[in-house]
PDB file of N, CA and C in Angstrom:
ATOM      1  N   UNK A   1       0.836  -1.173   0.000  1.00  0.00           N
ATOM      2  CA  UNK A   1       0.000   0.000   0.000  1.00  0.00           C
ATOM      3  C   UNK A   1       0.885   1.242   0.000  1.00  0.00           C
ATOM      4  N   UNK A   2       0.636   2.126  -0.926  1.00  0.00           N
ATOM      5  CA  UNK A   2       1.378   3.384  -0.999  1.00  0.00           C
ATOM      6  C   UNK A   2       0.758   4.393  -0.037  1.00  0.00           C
ATOM      7  N   UNK A   3       1.580   5.324   0.439  1.00  0.00           N
ATOM      8  CA  UNK A   3       1.043   6.342   1.338  1.00  0.00           C
ATOM      9  C   UNK A   3       1.850   7.632   1.214  1.00  0.00           C
ATOM     10  N   UNK A   4       1.311   8.677   1.815  1.00  0.00           N
ATOM     11  CA  UNK A   4       1.926  10.004   1.760  1.00  0.00           C
ATOM     12  C   UNK A   4       2.386  10.472   3.140  1.00  0.00           C
ATOM     13  N   UNK A   5       2.625   9.539   4.029  1.00  0.00           N
ATOM     14  CA  UNK A   5       2.967   9.904   5.405  1.00  0.00           C
ATOM     15  C   UNK A   5       4.291  10.651   5.474  1.00  0.00           C
ATOM     16  N   UNK A   6       5.291  10.196   4.750  1.00  0.00           N
ATOM     17  CA  UNK A   6       6.595  10.868   4.790  1.00  0.00           C
ATOM     18  C   UNK A   6       6.463  12.337   4.383  1.00  0.00           C
ATOM     19  N   UNK A   7       5.706  12.600   3.315  1.00  0.00           N
ATOM     20  CA  UNK A   7       5.527  13.975   2.851  1.00  0.00           C
ATOM     21  C   UNK A   7       4.765  14.816   3.873  1.00  0.00           C
ATOM     22  N   UNK A   8       3.695  14.251   4.431  1.00  0.00           N
ATOM     23  CA  UNK A   8       2.901  14.978   5.421  1.00  0.00           C
ATOM     24  C   UNK A   8       3.720  15.255   6.679  1.00  0.00           C
ATOM     25  N   UNK A   9       4.466  14.274   7.113  1.00  0.00           N
ATOM     26  CA  UNK A   9       5.315  14.422   8.301  1.00  0.00           C
ATOM     27  C   UNK A   9       6.380  15.477   8.050  1.00  0.00           C
ATOM     28  N   UNK A  10       6.997  15.427   6.884  1.00  0.00           N
ATOM     29  CA  UNK A  10       8.037  16.381   6.539  1.00  0.00           C
ATOM     30  C   UNK A  10       7.515  17.809   6.470  1.00  0.00           C
ATOM     31  N   UNK A  11       6.293  17.966   5.959  1.00  0.00           N
ATOM     32  CA  UNK A  11       5.701  19.306   5.855  1.00  0.00           C
ATOM     33  C   UNK A  11       5.511  19.942   7.228  1.00  0.00           C
ATOM     34  N   UNK A  12       5.344  19.110   8.245  1.00  0.00           N
ATOM     35  CA  UNK A  12       5.174  19.615   9.608  1.00  0.00           C
ATOM     36  C   UNK A  12       6.498  19.677  10.367  1.00  0.00           C
ATOM     37  N   UNK A  13       7.566  19.192   9.736  1.00  0.00           N
ATOM     38  CA  UNK A  13       8.871  19.214  10.374  1.00  0.00           C
ATOM     39  C   UNK A  13       9.033  18.197  11.483  1.00  0.00           C
ATOM     40  N   UNK A  14       8.241  17.123  11.446  1.00  0.00           N
ATOM     41  CA  UNK A  14       8.313  16.091  12.479  1.00  0.00           C
ATOM     42  C   UNK A  14       9.281  14.994  12.058  1.00  0.00           C
ATOM     43  N   UNK A  15      10.013  14.480  13.019  1.00  0.00           N
ATOM     44  CA  UNK A  15      10.842  13.295  12.785  1.00  0.00           C
ATOM     45  C   UNK A  15       9.949  12.057  12.873  1.00  0.00           C
ATOM     46  N   UNK A  16      10.487  10.929  12.463  1.00  0.00           N
ATOM     47  CA  UNK A  16       9.732   9.684  12.624  1.00  0.00           C
ATOM     48  C   UNK A  16       9.440   9.433  14.101  1.00  0.00           C
ATOM     49  N   UNK A  17      10.389   9.749  14.973  1.00  0.00           N
ATOM     50  CA  UNK A  17      10.200   9.538  16.411  1.00  0.00           C
ATOM     51  C   UNK A  17       9.073  10.422  16.945  1.00  0.00           C
ATOM     52  N   UNK A  18       9.003  11.671  16.478  1.00  0.00           N
ATOM     53  CA  UNK A  18       7.933  12.570  16.924  1.00  0.00           C
ATOM     54  C   UNK A  18       6.569  12.049  16.483  1.00  0.00           C
ATOM     55  N   UNK A  19       6.464  11.602  15.239  1.00  0.00           N
ATOM     56  CA  UNK A  19       5.209  11.047  14.758  1.00  0.00           C
ATOM     57  C   UNK A  19       4.851   9.793  15.545  1.00  0.00           C
ATOM     58  N   UNK A  20       5.834   8.946  15.792  1.00  0.00           N
ATOM     59  CA  UNK A  20       5.596   7.723  16.559  1.00  0.00           C
ATOM     60  C   UNK A  20       5.047   8.056  17.943  1.00  0.00           C
ATOM     61  N   UNK A  21       5.632   9.045  18.600  1.00  0.00           N
ATOM     62  CA  UNK A  21       5.149   9.450  19.927  1.00  0.00           C
ATOM     63  C   UNK A  21       3.700   9.909  19.861  1.00  0.00           C
ATOM     64  N   UNK A  22       3.362  10.686  18.852  1.00  0.00           N
ATOM     65  CA  UNK A  22       1.995  11.205  18.714  1.00  0.00           C
ATOM     66  C   UNK A  22       0.986  10.085  18.445  1.00  0.00           C
ATOM     67  N   UNK A  23       1.461   8.993  17.837  1.00  0.00           N
ATOM     68  CA  UNK A  23       0.585   7.868  17.503  1.00  0.00           C
ATOM     69  C   UNK A  23       0.681   6.724  18.513  1.00  0.00           C
ATOM     70  N   UNK A  24       1.581   6.851  19.484  1.00  0.00           N
ATOM     71  CA  UNK A  24       1.818   5.793  20.488  1.00  0.00           C
ATOM     72  C   UNK A  24       2.254   4.483  19.846  1.00  0.00           C
ATOM     73  N   UNK A  25       3.153   4.592  18.876  1.00  0.00           N
ATOM     74  CA  UNK A  25       3.768   3.425  18.242  1.00  0.00           C
ATOM     75  C   UNK A  25       5.283   3.643  18.245  1.00  0.00           C
ATOM     76  N   UNK A  26       6.034   2.653  17.811  1.00  0.00           N
ATOM     77  CA  UNK A  26       7.487   2.790  17.756  1.00  0.00           C
ATOM     78  C   UNK A  26       7.916   3.533  16.491  1.00  0.00           C
ATOM     79  N   UNK A  27       9.109   4.089  16.527  1.00  0.00           N
ATOM     80  CA  UNK A  27       9.671   4.736  15.343  1.00  0.00           C
ATOM     81  C   UNK A  27       9.817   3.715  14.225  1.00  0.00           C
ATOM     82  N   UNK A  28      10.152   2.480  14.592  1.00  0.00           N
ATOM     83  CA  UNK A  28      10.298   1.426  13.586  1.00  0.00           C
ATOM     84  C   UNK A  28       8.971   1.158  12.860  1.00  0.00           C
ATOM     85  N   UNK A  29       7.856   1.268  13.591  1.00  0.00           N
ATOM     86  CA  UNK A  29       6.549   1.086  12.965  1.00  0.00           C
ATOM     87  C   UNK A  29       6.290   2.191  11.951  1.00  0.00           C
ATOM     88  N   UNK A  30       6.600   3.432  12.320  1.00  0.00           N
ATOM     89  CA  UNK A  30       6.430   4.550  11.390  1.00  0.00           C
ATOM     90  C   UNK A  30       7.290   4.331  10.152  1.00  0.00           C
ATOM     91  N   UNK A  31       8.539   3.923  10.353  1.00  0.00           N
ATOM     92  CA  UNK A  31       9.430   3.666   9.219  1.00  0.00           C
ATOM     93  C   UNK A  31       8.868   2.568   8.320  1.00  0.00           C
ATOM     94  N   UNK A  32       8.371   1.496   8.912  1.00  0.00           N
ATOM     95  CA  UNK A  32       7.839   0.379   8.132  1.00  0.00           C
ATOM     96  C   UNK A  32       6.601   0.794   7.341  1.00  0.00           C
ATOM     97  N   UNK A  33       5.749   1.631   7.926  1.00  0.00           N
ATOM     98  CA  UNK A  33       4.568   2.119   7.208  1.00  0.00           C
ATOM     99  C   UNK A  33       4.996   3.017   6.057  1.00  0.00           C
ATOM    100  N   UNK A  34       5.909   3.948   6.332  1.00  0.00           N
ATOM    101  CA  UNK A  34       6.359   4.879   5.289  1.00  0.00           C
ATOM    102  C   UNK A  34       6.990   4.159   4.106  1.00  0.00           C
ATOM    103  N   UNK A  35       7.714   3.089   4.363  1.00  0.00           N
ATOM    104  CA  UNK A  35       8.400   2.379   3.288  1.00  0.00           C
ATOM    105  C   UNK A  35       7.538   1.282   2.658  1.00  0.00           C
ATOM    106  N   UNK A  36       6.302   1.132   3.145  1.00  0.00           N
ATOM    107  CA  UNK A  36       5.394   0.153   2.563  1.00  0.00           C
ATOM    108  C   UNK A  36       5.633  -1.274   2.997  1.00  0.00           C
ATOM    109  N   UNK A  37       6.460  -1.473   4.014  1.00  0.00           N
ATOM    110  CA  UNK A  37       6.716  -2.831   4.500  1.00  0.00           C
ATOM    111  C   UNK A  37       5.659  -3.290   5.498  1.00  0.00           C
ATOM    112  N   UNK A  38       4.805  -2.371   5.956  1.00  0.00           N
ATOM    113  CA  UNK A  38       3.782  -2.698   6.939  1.00  0.00           C
ATOM    114  C   UNK A  38       2.546  -1.855   6.652  1.00  0.00           C
ATOM    115  N   UNK A  39       1.390  -2.506   6.574  1.00  0.00           N
ATOM    116  CA  UNK A  39       0.126  -1.798   6.420  1.00  0.00           C
ATOM    117  C   UNK A  39      -0.476  -1.629   7.805  1.00  0.00           C
ATOM    118  N   UNK A  40      -0.807  -0.399   8.193  1.00  0.00           N
ATOM    119  CA  UNK A  40      -1.327  -0.170   9.542  1.00  0.00           C
ATOM    120  C   UNK A  40      -2.702  -0.797   9.737  1.00  0.00           C
ATOM    121  N   UNK A  41      -3.019  -1.091  10.990  1.00  0.00           N
ATOM    122  CA  UNK A  41      -4.362  -1.558  11.319  1.00  0.00           C
ATOM    123  C   UNK A  41      -5.348  -0.436  11.013  1.00  0.00           C
ATOM    124  N   UNK A  42      -6.608  -0.766  10.919  1.00  0.00           N
ATOM    125  CA  UNK A  42      -7.618   0.248  10.645  1.00  0.00           C
ATOM    126  C   UNK A  42      -7.654   1.319  11.737  1.00  0.00           C
ATOM    127  N   UNK A  43      -7.616   0.947  13.032  1.00  0.00           N
ATOM    128  CA  UNK A  43      -7.587   2.003  14.060  1.00  0.00           C
ATOM    129  C   UNK A  43      -6.365   2.918  13.931  1.00  0.00           C
ATOM    130  N   UNK A  44      -5.205   2.361  13.586  1.00  0.00           N
ATOM    131  CA  UNK A  44      -4.009   3.185  13.414  1.00  0.00           C
ATOM    132  C   UNK A  44      -4.143   4.072  12.179  1.00  0.00           C
ATOM    133  N   UNK A  45      -4.717   3.553  11.111  1.00  0.00           N
ATOM    134  CA  UNK A  45      -4.934   4.362   9.904  1.00  0.00           C
ATOM    135  C   UNK A  45      -5.859   5.540  10.214  1.00  0.00           C
ATOM    136  N   UNK A  46      -6.913   5.298  10.999  1.00  0.00           N
ATOM    137  CA  UNK A  46      -7.804   6.389  11.398  1.00  0.00           C
ATOM    138  C   UNK A  46      -7.069   7.409  12.259  1.00  0.00           C
ATOM    139  N   UNK A  47      -6.210   6.940  13.167  1.00  0.00           N
ATOM    140  CA  UNK A  47      -5.440   7.848  14.024  1.00  0.00           C
ATOM    141  C   UNK A  47      -4.499   8.718  13.182  1.00  0.00           C
ATOM    142  N   UNK A  48      -3.865   8.113  12.187  1.00  0.00           N
ATOM    143  CA  UNK A  48      -2.973   8.863  11.292  1.00  0.00           C
ATOM    144  C   UNK A  48      -3.772   9.915  10.537  1.00  0.00           C
ATOM    145  N   UNK A  49      -4.920   9.524  10.008  1.00  0.00           N
ATOM    146  CA  UNK A  49      -5.760  10.460   9.255  1.00  0.00           C
ATOM    147  C   UNK A  49      -6.205  11.626  10.140  1.00  0.00           C
ATOM    148  N   UNK A  50      -6.630  11.331  11.366  1.00  0.00           N
ATOM    149  CA  UNK A  50      -7.042  12.397  12.288  1.00  0.00           C
ATOM    150  C   UNK A  50      -5.892  13.341  12.591  1.00  0.00           C
ATOM    151  N   UNK A  51      -4.713  12.765  12.828  1.00  0.00           N
ATOM    152  CA  UNK A  51      -3.547  13.572  13.184  1.00  0.00           C
ATOM    153  C   UNK A  51      -3.185  14.561  12.078  1.00  0.00           C
ATOM    154  N   UNK A  52      -3.302  14.142  10.831  1.00  0.00           N
ATOM    155  CA  UNK A  52      -2.964  14.996   9.704  1.00  0.00           C
ATOM    156  C   UNK A  52      -4.180  15.746   9.139  1.00  0.00           C
ATOM    157  N   UNK A  53      -5.340  15.581   9.778  1.00  0.00           N
ATOM    158  CA  UNK A  53      -6.585  16.223   9.315  1.00  0.00           C
ATOM    159  C   UNK A  53      -6.861  15.924   7.845  1.00  0.00           C
ATOM    160  N   UNK A  54      -6.710  14.656   7.498  1.00  0.00           N
ATOM    161  CA  UNK A  54      -6.963  14.179   6.132  1.00  0.00           C
ATOM    162  C   UNK A  54      -7.857  12.946   6.213  1.00  0.00           C
ATOM    163  N   UNK A  55      -8.396  12.541   5.082  1.00  0.00           N
ATOM    164  CA  UNK A  55      -9.127  11.281   5.034  1.00  0.00           C
ATOM    165  C   UNK A  55      -8.124  10.141   4.825  1.00  0.00           C
ATOM    166  N   UNK A  56      -8.545   8.957   5.152  1.00  0.00           N
ATOM    167  CA  UNK A  56      -7.686   7.789   4.920  1.00  0.00           C
ATOM    168  C   UNK A  56      -7.350   7.684   3.434  1.00  0.00           C
ATOM    169  N   UNK A  57      -8.330   7.952   2.577  1.00  0.00           N
ATOM    170  CA  UNK A  57      -8.092   7.863   1.127  1.00  0.00           C
ATOM    171  C   UNK A  57      -7.080   8.887   0.644  1.00  0.00           C
ATOM    172  N   UNK A  58      -6.972  10.025   1.321  1.00  0.00           N
ATOM    173  CA  UNK A  58      -5.992  11.032   0.929  1.00  0.00           C
ATOM    174  C   UNK A  58      -4.566  10.624   1.332  1.00  0.00           C
ATOM    175  N   UNK A  59      -4.452   9.744   2.322  1.00  0.00           N
ATOM    176  CA  UNK A  59      -3.137   9.342   2.822  1.00  0.00           C
ATOM    177  C   UNK A  59      -2.676   8.018   2.230  1.00  0.00           C
ATOM    178  N   UNK A  60      -3.601   7.087   2.115  1.00  0.00           N
ATOM    179  CA  UNK A  60      -3.267   5.731   1.652  1.00  0.00           C
ATOM    180  C   UNK A  60      -3.914   5.444   0.315  1.00  0.00           C
ATOM    181  N   UNK A  61      -3.188   4.707  -0.522  1.00  0.00           N
ATOM    182  CA  UNK A  61      -3.766   4.249  -1.788  1.00  0.00           C
ATOM    183  C   UNK A  61      -3.242   2.853  -2.068  1.00  0.00           C
ATOM    184  N   UNK A  62      -4.074   2.070  -2.722  1.00  0.00           N
ATOM    185  CA  UNK A  62      -3.690   0.713  -3.049  1.00  0.00           C
ATOM    186  C   UNK A  62      -2.530   0.717  -4.036  1.00  0.00           C
ATOM    187  N   UNK A  63      -1.709  -0.314  -3.979  1.00  0.00           N
ATOM    188  CA  UNK A  63      -0.631  -0.439  -4.967  1.00  0.00           C
ATOM    189  C   UNK A  63      -1.238  -0.450  -6.355  1.00  0.00           C
ATOM    190  N   UNK A  64      -0.624   0.291  -7.253  1.00  0.00           N
ATOM    191  CA  UNK A  64      -1.105   0.359  -8.618  1.00  0.00           C
ATOM    192  C   UNK A  64      -2.230   1.353  -8.844  1.00  0.00           C
ATOM    193  N   UNK A  65      -2.615   2.051  -7.768  1.00  0.00           N
ATOM    194  CA  UNK A  65      -3.723   3.020  -7.903  1.00  0.00           C
ATOM    195  C   UNK A  65      -3.217   4.341  -8.445  1.00  0.00           C
TER     196      UNK A  65
END
C-alpha cells in the first residue's frame, strides 16, 4: 500500500520519532509504514488520518492506484 505519510510528516517538520510518539507506536513502525513494509491496522490508519486532518483515502492508496 502506498502512502503520503513521509511527505505529510516532513511538511510539519516532524521526525519519525515525533510522529511515533503522537501515535503511540514505535519509530520502527512509522518507518515500516512509510516504506510500505507494513500496512497499519484500521484504528491506526484512522489515528494517522485524524492527526494529519486528512481522510484515509488522501493518505493511503492501493498499490497500482
